[in-house]
Protein backbone atom coordinates (compact mmCIF):
# COMPACT_ATOMS: atom_id res chain seq x y z
CA UNK A 1 -0.06 0.11 -0.32
CA UNK A 2 1.86 2.93 -1.41
CA UNK A 3 0.81 6.01 0.37
CA UNK A 4 1.49 8.49 -2.32
CA UNK A 5 -1.30 11.29 -1.87
CA UNK A 6 1.93 14.36 -2.01
CA UNK A 7 3.51 13.15 -5.25
CA UNK A 8 3.26 14.98 -7.97
CA UNK A 9 1.32 13.53 -10.96
CA UNK A 10 3.83 13.09 -14.46
CA UNK A 11 0.95 14.42 -16.79
CA UNK A 12 -2.45 15.88 -16.47
CA UNK A 13 -4.91 14.34 -19.59
CA UNK A 14 -7.72 16.57 -20.27
CA UNK A 15 -8.36 20.54 -18.74
CA UNK A 16 -10.24 21.23 -16.12
CA UNK A 17 -12.11 24.29 -16.51
CA UNK A 18 -12.27 26.87 -13.22
CA UNK A 19 -14.03 25.92 -10.17
CA UNK A 20 -15.86 27.89 -7.60
CA UNK A 21 -14.34 31.29 -6.07
CA UNK A 22 -12.90 30.49 -2.39
CA UNK A 23 -12.76 32.55 0.72
CA UNK A 24 -9.72 34.19 1.03
CA UNK A 25 -7.47 32.15 2.43
CA UNK A 26 -6.23 34.24 5.16
CA UNK A 27 -10.08 34.93 6.66
CA UNK A 28 -9.85 30.83 7.73
CA UNK A 29 -6.55 31.21 9.55
CA UNK A 30 -7.59 33.78 12.01
CA UNK A 31 -10.54 32.10 12.71
CA UNK A 32 -8.56 28.48 12.59
CA UNK A 33 -6.13 30.17 14.47
CA UNK A 34 -8.90 31.55 17.37
CA UNK A 35 -10.74 28.38 17.35
CA UNK A 36 -9.93 27.44 21.20
CA UNK A 37 -11.59 23.95 20.96
CA UNK A 38 -14.88 22.29 19.59
CA UNK A 39 -18.37 23.47 21.23
CA UNK A 40 -20.05 20.84 21.33
CA UNK A 41 -17.36 17.88 22.03
CA UNK A 42 -19.32 14.40 24.25
CA UNK A 43 -16.88 11.79 25.56
CA UNK A 44 -16.74 8.70 23.84
CA UNK A 45 -16.74 5.19 25.57
CA UNK A 46 -13.55 4.69 23.61
CA UNK A 47 -10.71 3.62 25.18
CA UNK A 48 -7.19 5.26 25.53
CA UNK A 49 -5.21 3.92 22.63
CA UNK A 50 -8.24 3.52 20.60
CA UNK A 51 -8.52 5.15 16.48
CA UNK A 52 -10.80 3.93 12.62
CA UNK A 53 -14.38 5.26 13.83
CA UNK A 54 -16.96 5.10 11.80
CA UNK A 55 -20.41 6.46 11.92
CA UNK A 56 -23.86 5.28 10.98
CA UNK A 57 -27.25 7.02 11.72
CA UNK A 58 -30.31 5.40 12.46
CA UNK A 59 -33.62 6.01 13.89
CA UNK A 60 -32.62 7.28 17.31
CA UNK A 61 -29.44 8.50 17.10
CA UNK A 62 -26.08 6.99 15.51
CA UNK A 63 -24.11 3.95 16.04
CA UNK A 64 -20.24 3.87 16.63
CA UNK A 65 -17.70 1.31 15.49
CA UNK A 66 -13.84 1.78 16.40
CA UNK A 67 -11.29 0.02 16.83
CA UNK A 68 -9.39 -0.36 20.21
CA UNK A 69 -6.67 -2.87 22.24
CA UNK A 70 -7.83 -5.39 24.00
CA UNK A 71 -6.35 -8.27 25.85
CA UNK A 72 -6.46 -10.71 23.22
CA UNK A 73 -4.81 -8.16 20.47
CA UNK A 74 -7.76 -5.81 19.87
CA UNK A 75 -11.15 -5.55 19.47
CA UNK A 76 -13.79 -3.39 17.23
CA UNK A 77 -16.67 -2.19 19.44
CA UNK A 78 -19.92 -0.29 18.98
CA UNK A 79 -21.84 2.53 20.89
CA UNK A 80 -25.47 3.62 19.88
CA UNK A 81 -25.38 7.13 20.70
CA UNK A 82 -29.12 8.74 21.47
CA UNK A 83 -30.48 11.71 20.05
CA UNK A 84 -33.03 12.23 22.92
CA UNK A 85 -31.04 11.38 25.66
CA UNK A 86 -27.33 12.66 24.75
CA UNK A 87 -25.22 9.74 25.76
CA UNK A 88 -24.11 7.11 24.25
CA UNK A 89 -25.02 3.64 25.44
CA UNK A 90 -22.69 0.69 26.74
CA UNK A 91 -19.81 -0.48 24.27
CA UNK A 92 -20.39 -3.88 22.96
CA UNK A 93 -17.99 -5.79 21.28
CA UNK A 94 -18.13 -6.99 18.04
CA UNK A 95 -14.84 -9.13 17.65
CA UNK A 96 -11.62 -9.49 19.48
CA UNK A 97 -8.70 -11.25 19.17
CA UNK A 98 -5.08 -11.38 17.51
CA UNK A 99 -5.41 -11.10 14.23
CA UNK A 100 -7.19 -8.31 13.70
CA UNK A 101 -5.21 -6.36 10.54
CA UNK A 102 -5.31 -2.77 11.58
CA UNK A 103 -4.55 0.48 9.62
CA UNK A 104 -5.28 3.82 9.59
CA UNK A 105 -6.88 3.82 6.23
CA UNK A 106 -8.31 0.47 6.21
CA UNK A 107 -10.62 0.51 8.91
CA UNK A 108 -13.93 -0.68 10.65
CA UNK A 109 -17.70 -0.38 10.13
CA UNK A 110 -21.13 -0.70 11.52
CA UNK A 111 -24.59 -0.31 9.45
CA UNK A 112 -28.19 -0.17 10.44
CA UNK A 113 -30.64 -2.61 8.31
CA UNK A 114 -33.75 -1.79 10.24
CA UNK A 115 -33.46 -3.38 13.06
CA UNK A 116 -30.42 -4.89 12.84
CA UNK A 117 -26.91 -3.97 13.28
CA UNK A 118 -24.39 -4.98 10.21
CA UNK A 119 -20.33 -4.42 10.98
CA UNK A 120 -17.40 -5.36 9.15
CA UNK A 121 -13.64 -5.71 10.03
CA UNK A 122 -10.21 -7.08 8.72
CA UNK A 123 -8.34 -10.15 9.50
CA UNK A 124 -5.08 -11.51 8.80
CA UNK A 125 -4.36 -14.07 6.57
CA UNK A 126 -0.62 -14.30 7.66
CA UNK A 127 1.36 -14.53 4.47
CA UNK A 128 2.18 -11.15 4.32
CA UNK A 129 1.61 -7.37 5.03
CA UNK A 130 -0.96 -7.32 2.50
CA UNK A 131 -2.47 -11.13 3.13
CA UNK A 132 -6.04 -10.31 4.98
CA UNK A 133 -9.64 -10.96 4.31
CA UNK A 134 -13.26 -9.64 5.10
CA UNK A 135 -14.79 -10.68 8.03
CA UNK A 136 -18.72 -9.27 8.18
CA UNK A 137 -21.10 -10.21 11.10
CA UNK A 138 -24.51 -9.15 12.45
CA UNK A 139 -26.84 -8.37 15.41
CA UNK A 140 -30.10 -8.71 15.89
CA UNK A 141 -29.86 -7.61 19.66
CA UNK A 142 -28.64 -3.93 19.29
CA UNK A 143 -25.40 -5.18 19.59
CA UNK A 144 -25.50 -7.65 22.63
CA UNK A 145 -24.35 -10.94 20.29
CA UNK A 146 -23.51 -11.15 16.87
CA UNK A 147 -23.10 -14.34 14.93
CA UNK A 148 -20.26 -16.04 13.38
CA UNK A 149 -18.72 -14.06 10.95
CA UNK A 150 -18.86 -14.26 6.88
CA UNK A 151 -16.18 -13.98 4.46
CA UNK A 152 -18.14 -12.29 1.06
CA UNK A 153 -14.74 -13.52 -1.06
CA UNK A 154 -14.28 -17.48 -1.57
CA UNK A 155 -10.94 -17.32 -3.75
CA UNK A 156 -8.57 -18.19 -0.77
CA UNK A 157 -5.48 -16.29 -2.36
CA UNK A 158 -3.45 -14.73 -0.02
CA UNK A 159 -4.36 -11.16 -1.32
CA UNK A 160 -5.70 -7.52 0.75
CA UNK A 161 -9.40 -8.01 0.51
CA UNK A 162 -10.80 -4.82 1.51
CA UNK A 163 -11.78 -0.86 1.89
CA UNK A 164 -15.73 -2.45 1.94
CA UNK A 165 -18.84 -0.43 1.59
CA UNK A 166 -22.20 -1.98 3.14
CA UNK A 167 -25.58 -1.05 1.72
CA UNK A 168 -29.28 -1.93 1.59
CA UNK A 169 -31.44 -2.95 -1.02
CA UNK A 170 -35.23 -3.61 -1.15
CA UNK A 171 -33.86 -7.15 -1.76
CA UNK A 172 -30.95 -7.90 0.02
CA UNK A 173 -27.85 -5.52 1.97
CA UNK A 174 -24.72 -6.30 -0.40
CA UNK A 175 -21.29 -5.75 0.49
CA UNK A 176 -18.31 -3.80 -1.80
CA UNK A 177 -14.55 -4.67 -1.21
CA UNK A 178 -11.37 -3.79 -3.27
CA UNK A 179 -10.53 -7.34 -3.90
CA UNK A 180 -6.42 -8.60 -5.11
CA UNK A 181 -7.10 -11.89 -5.87
CA UNK A 182 -5.65 -11.14 -9.72
CA UNK A 183 -2.27 -9.50 -7.64
CA UNK A 184 -0.92 -12.81 -6.84
CA UNK A 185 0.38 -12.99 -10.27
CA UNK A 186 2.71 -10.28 -11.61
CA UNK A 187 1.36 -7.13 -12.38
CA UNK A 188 -2.00 -8.39 -11.63
CA UNK A 189 -5.24 -6.07 -10.88
CA UNK A 190 -7.20 -4.90 -8.15
CA UNK A 191 -10.19 -5.34 -8.52
CA UNK A 192 -13.63 -3.67 -7.29
CA UNK A 193 -16.18 -7.03 -6.28
CA UNK A 194 -19.89 -6.93 -4.68
CA UNK A 195 -22.03 -9.92 -3.29
CA UNK A 196 -25.09 -10.31 -1.35
CA UNK A 197 -24.98 -10.92 2.26
CA UNK A 198 -26.46 -14.81 3.70
CA UNK A 199 -29.27 -12.40 6.04
CA UNK A 200 -31.66 -14.26 8.34
CA UNK A 201 -35.31 -13.10 7.08
CA UNK A 202 -39.20 -14.28 7.08
CA UNK A 203 -38.63 -17.30 4.88
CA UNK A 204 -35.31 -17.74 6.98
CA UNK A 205 -31.50 -17.53 5.81
CA UNK A 206 -30.77 -16.33 2.51
CA UNK A 207 -28.72 -17.08 0.39
CA UNK A 208 -25.99 -15.20 -0.72
CA UNK A 209 -25.70 -14.39 -3.76
CA UNK A 210 -22.49 -14.83 -6.18
CA UNK A 211 -19.40 -12.38 -6.28
CA UNK A 212 -19.93 -10.05 -9.19
CA UNK A 213 -16.79 -8.22 -10.59
CA UNK A 214 -18.23 -3.81 -10.57
CA UNK A 215 -14.46 -2.92 -12.01
CA UNK A 216 -11.78 -4.69 -12.75
CA UNK A 217 -8.48 -2.84 -12.36
CA UNK A 218 -9.21 -0.06 -9.56
CA UNK A 219 -6.68 2.08 -7.59
CA UNK A 220 -5.12 0.12 -5.25
CA UNK A 221 -6.17 1.05 -1.88
CA UNK A 222 -8.78 3.49 -1.81
CA UNK A 223 -11.76 3.30 0.31
CA UNK A 224 -15.07 2.87 -1.76
CA UNK A 225 -18.52 4.28 -1.01
CA UNK A 226 -21.71 3.64 -2.01
CA UNK A 227 -25.53 4.67 -1.71
CA UNK A 228 -29.24 3.59 -3.00
CA UNK A 229 -30.10 6.82 -4.85
CA UNK A 230 -34.09 6.18 -5.99
CA UNK A 231 -34.03 2.60 -5.62
CA UNK A 232 -30.67 2.40 -7.84
CA UNK A 233 -27.41 1.09 -6.07
CA UNK A 234 -24.15 3.11 -6.01
CA UNK A 235 -21.07 2.88 -5.98
CA UNK A 236 -17.82 5.11 -5.50
CA UNK A 237 -14.12 4.30 -6.16
CA UNK A 238 -11.37 5.29 -7.57
CA UNK A 239 -10.64 3.57 -10.76
CA UNK A 240 -7.23 3.12 -12.81
CA UNK A 241 -7.05 3.30 -15.74
CA UNK A 242 -4.65 3.23 -18.64
CA UNK A 243 -1.71 6.09 -18.46
CA UNK A 244 -2.56 5.43 -14.67
CA UNK A 245 -5.67 8.15 -14.54
CA UNK A 246 -7.02 7.23 -11.07
CA UNK A 247 -10.60 9.85 -11.58
CA UNK A 248 -13.51 8.43 -9.00
CA UNK A 249 -16.02 6.24 -11.01
CA UNK A 250 -19.02 5.18 -10.49
CA UNK A 251 -21.10 2.05 -11.42
CA UNK A 252 -24.91 1.68 -10.78
CA UNK A 253 -26.90 -1.62 -10.48
CA UNK A 254 -29.40 -1.45 -12.98
CA UNK A 255 -31.83 -3.74 -15.13
CA UNK A 256 -29.71 -6.11 -17.31
CA UNK A 257 -30.99 -6.64 -20.84
CA UNK A 258 -31.35 -10.60 -20.19
CA UNK A 259 -33.70 -9.46 -17.28
CA UNK A 260 -31.68 -9.82 -14.11
CA UNK A 261 -29.79 -6.83 -12.86
CA UNK A 262 -25.53 -5.82 -13.35
CA UNK A 263 -23.08 -3.43 -12.52
CA UNK A 264 -22.94 -0.36 -15.08
CA UNK A 265 -19.28 0.09 -16.74
CA UNK A 266 -17.65 2.56 -14.38
CA UNK A 267 -18.33 5.73 -15.18
CA UNK A 268 -15.65 9.21 -14.12
CA UNK A 269 -17.38 11.63 -12.28
CA UNK A 270 -15.60 14.35 -13.18
CA UNK A 271 -12.23 13.48 -15.77
CA UNK A 272 -9.74 15.45 -13.34
CA UNK A 273 -6.89 13.75 -15.17
CA UNK A 274 -5.10 13.28 -12.13
CA UNK A 275 -2.19 10.27 -13.29
CA UNK A 276 0.07 9.18 -10.56
CA UNK A 277 1.99 5.95 -10.23
CA UNK A 278 1.12 5.17 -6.75
CA UNK A 279 -2.48 4.77 -4.61
CA UNK A 280 -3.08 8.09 -3.02
CA UNK A 281 -5.28 6.48 -0.34
CA UNK A 282 -7.91 8.90 -0.40
CA UNK A 283 -11.22 7.19 -1.54
CA UNK A 284 -14.29 9.48 -2.30
CA UNK A 285 -17.51 10.05 -0.26
CA UNK A 286 -21.09 9.79 -1.21
CA UNK A 287 -24.61 10.55 0.35
CA UNK A 288 -27.54 10.51 -1.36
CA UNK A 289 -31.50 11.62 -0.65
CA UNK A 290 -34.48 10.63 -3.15
CA UNK A 291 -32.32 10.74 -6.64
CA UNK A 292 -29.85 13.51 -6.05
CA UNK A 293 -26.73 12.14 -5.28
CA UNK A 294 -23.49 14.02 -3.95
CA UNK A 295 -19.54 12.67 -4.14
CA UNK A 296 -17.22 14.53 -2.50
CA UNK A 297 -12.91 13.55 -3.38
CA UNK A 298 -9.52 14.63 -2.95
CA UNK A 299 -7.60 15.06 -6.46
CA UNK A 300 -4.54 16.65 -7.75
CA UNK A 301 -3.95 16.94 -11.47
CA UNK A 302 -0.61 18.86 -12.57
CA UNK A 303 -0.19 18.39 -8.24
CA UNK A 304 -2.53 21.03 -7.71
CA UNK A 305 -4.36 19.12 -4.33
CA UNK A 306 -7.95 19.83 -4.20
CA UNK A 307 -11.06 18.75 -2.75
CA UNK A 308 -14.20 18.72 -4.78
CA UNK A 309 -17.82 17.74 -4.90
CA UNK A 310 -20.40 16.97 -7.99
CA UNK A 311 -24.19 16.35 -7.85
CA UNK A 312 -26.31 14.03 -9.98
CA UNK A 313 -30.15 14.54 -9.84
CA UNK A 314 -30.79 11.51 -11.78
CA UNK A 315 -29.60 8.61 -9.33
CA UNK A 316 -25.96 9.31 -10.28
CA UNK A 317 -26.63 8.34 -14.08
CA UNK A 318 -24.85 11.84 -14.89
CA UNK A 319 -23.14 14.71 -13.07
CA UNK A 320 -23.13 18.56 -12.89
CA UNK A 321 -19.90 20.22 -12.64
CA UNK A 322 -17.57 20.11 -9.47
CA UNK A 323 -17.63 22.85 -6.94
CA UNK A 324 -13.88 23.35 -5.19
CA UNK A 325 -14.57 23.60 -1.28
CA UNK A 326 -11.01 23.63 -0.22
CA UNK A 327 -8.69 26.90 0.82
CA UNK A 328 -5.73 25.97 -0.77
CA UNK A 329 -4.17 23.19 1.62
CA UNK A 330 -6.03 20.00 1.75
CA UNK A 331 -5.35 16.83 2.74
CA UNK A 332 -7.78 14.75 1.77
CA UNK A 333 -9.92 12.46 3.49
CA UNK A 334 -13.15 13.56 2.83
CA UNK A 335 -16.87 12.53 4.13
CA UNK A 336 -20.35 13.84 2.67
CA UNK A 337 -24.17 13.95 4.31
CA UNK A 338 -27.23 14.86 2.37
CA UNK A 339 -29.72 17.49 4.17
CA UNK A 340 -33.34 17.57 3.96
CA UNK A 341 -33.22 20.62 1.59
CA UNK A 342 -30.80 18.62 -0.98
CA UNK A 343 -27.21 20.44 0.42
CA UNK A 344 -24.63 18.52 1.30
CA UNK A 345 -22.02 18.73 3.82
CA UNK A 346 -18.45 17.75 3.19
CA UNK A 347 -15.67 17.42 5.38
CA UNK A 348 -11.86 17.29 4.82
CA UNK A 349 -8.41 17.89 6.54
CA UNK A 350 -6.67 20.89 6.10
CA UNK A 351 -3.07 22.33 6.56
CA UNK A 352 -3.83 25.99 8.36
CA UNK A 353 -0.84 28.00 9.25
CA UNK A 354 1.50 25.21 11.16
CA UNK A 355 -1.22 23.17 11.89
CA UNK A 356 -3.67 20.37 10.70
CA UNK A 357 -7.57 21.27 10.81
CA UNK A 358 -10.78 19.21 10.13
CA UNK A 359 -12.61 21.32 7.88
CA UNK A 360 -16.58 21.70 6.79
CA UNK A 361 -18.38 23.84 4.45
CA UNK A 362 -21.94 23.45 2.83
CA UNK A 363 -22.95 23.10 -0.67
CA UNK A 364 -26.00 23.45 -2.23
CA UNK A 365 -26.63 21.31 -5.45
CA UNK A 366 -27.09 24.35 -7.65
CA UNK A 367 -23.29 25.36 -6.53
CA UNK A 368 -23.39 27.91 -4.10
CA UNK A 369 -21.12 27.25 -1.16
CA UNK A 370 -21.06 28.42 2.24
CA UNK A 371 -18.15 29.61 4.67
CA UNK A 372 -15.57 26.52 5.50
CA UNK A 373 -15.78 26.24 8.48
CA UNK A 374 -13.23 24.89 11.23
CA UNK A 375 -14.55 21.80 13.01
CA UNK A 376 -11.27 20.62 15.26
CA UNK A 377 -7.79 20.68 15.44
CA UNK A 378 -5.90 17.49 14.12
CA UNK A 379 -2.55 16.17 13.00
CA UNK A 380 -1.91 15.41 8.74
CA UNK A 381 -0.22 12.11 10.02
CA UNK A 382 -1.89 9.21 9.44
CA UNK A 383 -2.37 7.99 13.15
CA UNK A 384 -5.66 11.27 12.54
CA UNK A 385 -7.21 8.72 9.96
CA UNK A 386 -10.30 9.72 8.55
CA UNK A 387 -13.06 12.27 10.22
CA UNK A 388 -16.24 10.74 9.77
CA UNK A 389 -19.53 12.43 9.86
CA UNK A 390 -23.52 11.87 10.12
CA UNK A 391 -26.49 13.15 10.70
CA UNK A 392 -28.21 13.20 14.17
CA UNK A 393 -31.69 13.54 14.57
CA UNK A 394 -33.48 16.46 12.03
CA UNK A 395 -31.20 19.78 12.83
CA UNK A 396 -27.92 18.21 14.43
CA UNK A 397 -24.73 15.93 13.03
CA UNK A 398 -22.50 13.63 14.67
CA UNK A 399 -18.98 14.58 13.96
CA UNK A 400 -15.79 11.50 14.65
CA UNK A 401 -12.21 11.28 14.29
CA UNK A 402 -9.14 10.12 15.76
CA UNK A 403 -6.94 12.16 17.62
CA UNK A 404 -3.17 11.25 18.06
CA UNK A 405 -2.23 13.63 20.23
CA UNK A 406 -0.88 12.19 23.73
CA UNK A 407 -2.20 8.95 22.63
CA UNK A 408 -4.23 7.79 20.47
CA UNK A 409 -8.26 8.33 20.95
CA UNK A 410 -11.74 8.10 19.56
CA UNK A 411 -13.46 11.80 20.06
CA UNK A 412 -16.46 13.13 18.69
CA UNK A 413 -18.37 16.42 18.87
CA UNK A 414 -22.70 17.03 18.53
CA UNK A 415 -22.80 19.90 15.74
CA UNK A 416 -26.18 22.62 15.22
CA UNK A 417 -26.76 22.43 11.72
CA UNK A 418 -28.55 25.75 12.35
CA UNK A 419 -24.82 27.11 12.76
CA UNK A 420 -24.19 26.28 9.17
CA UNK A 421 -26.44 28.63 7.78
CA UNK A 422 -27.66 29.22 3.74
CA UNK A 423 -25.77 28.94 1.15
């Protein structure tokens, strides 16, 4: 896994037109330096040494998963933040052991599927640094007990399988992941694969469908993301095209001519033309409401780093022109949520002065953007991981991040939506 996000690309394939006008950087620097802390910060049940938080909204609040040290090595835990009580439930253990693949960029997750929780984590195979696979488990009692872990890939190769996205359709719950089975041969590509889960249902346990190749050649270690928009499952990931062009692509699960369904050939959200000879470890984030989809991503064509967001009004069949949201020195590591009015809030890491800050900006679907807001101090190092954001009821957000200062620990804050104004 090569962290090449600061490498200078060798060439640019296509020109990128001027993006949205940004506020002057000195104004933001002044705001960030004057920010002594984060209003709304709440203690989390995560232990010292914890990291890699992930958030999932449900009807009553937000679920969070994270990784922390345990007597047997590590454990993946979950807790629920109740929107009415403004407090966390006692943490529950999803899995524990000494075989976890613990990584700053490829992290576990938790998802809500009706009254059920679905979680994933990564487990080492023992034949090399990047021999690891996906494990998925589910709970029907709010995390008190979990099913035996299930592995969606059946190739058995000692290669990388990770960067998982889990999403729900009307018929099934799916997992998508980066699959390195072809990389066992020199020069073999990473691929994006997907498969439905064998979850219990009213008629018994549903049989998992066969593995499906979504894209046969993707970037090796950027996160994937998935939404269901207007009933259409959409996957976003960083592609790897000829000439080492690594732009963000989407694929949609739609009706096929044979009467079934299939993943469409992937297409770029926007042709950035970012040419880079290694994986930038910086995947996309998506959010959806109805047919509207927002995709946020980091890119750096011709060495100019930026964070963009683009909107679709037709369930990701097409996208409008991207809006640039950063203020000049972004690191990336984006996340996004969609609001009730169809605007989106994007978060990312950015260097501000001598430090690094988690920033957020609200962007309307027509491209109008509010001010960039400093949300919390952070660090450019890998140990700071990927901040996450999620809806917390109708008028608040939950932000979670890894604080690497003084020893790693998961932090969280509740943010009032009223403070973001209207773009």
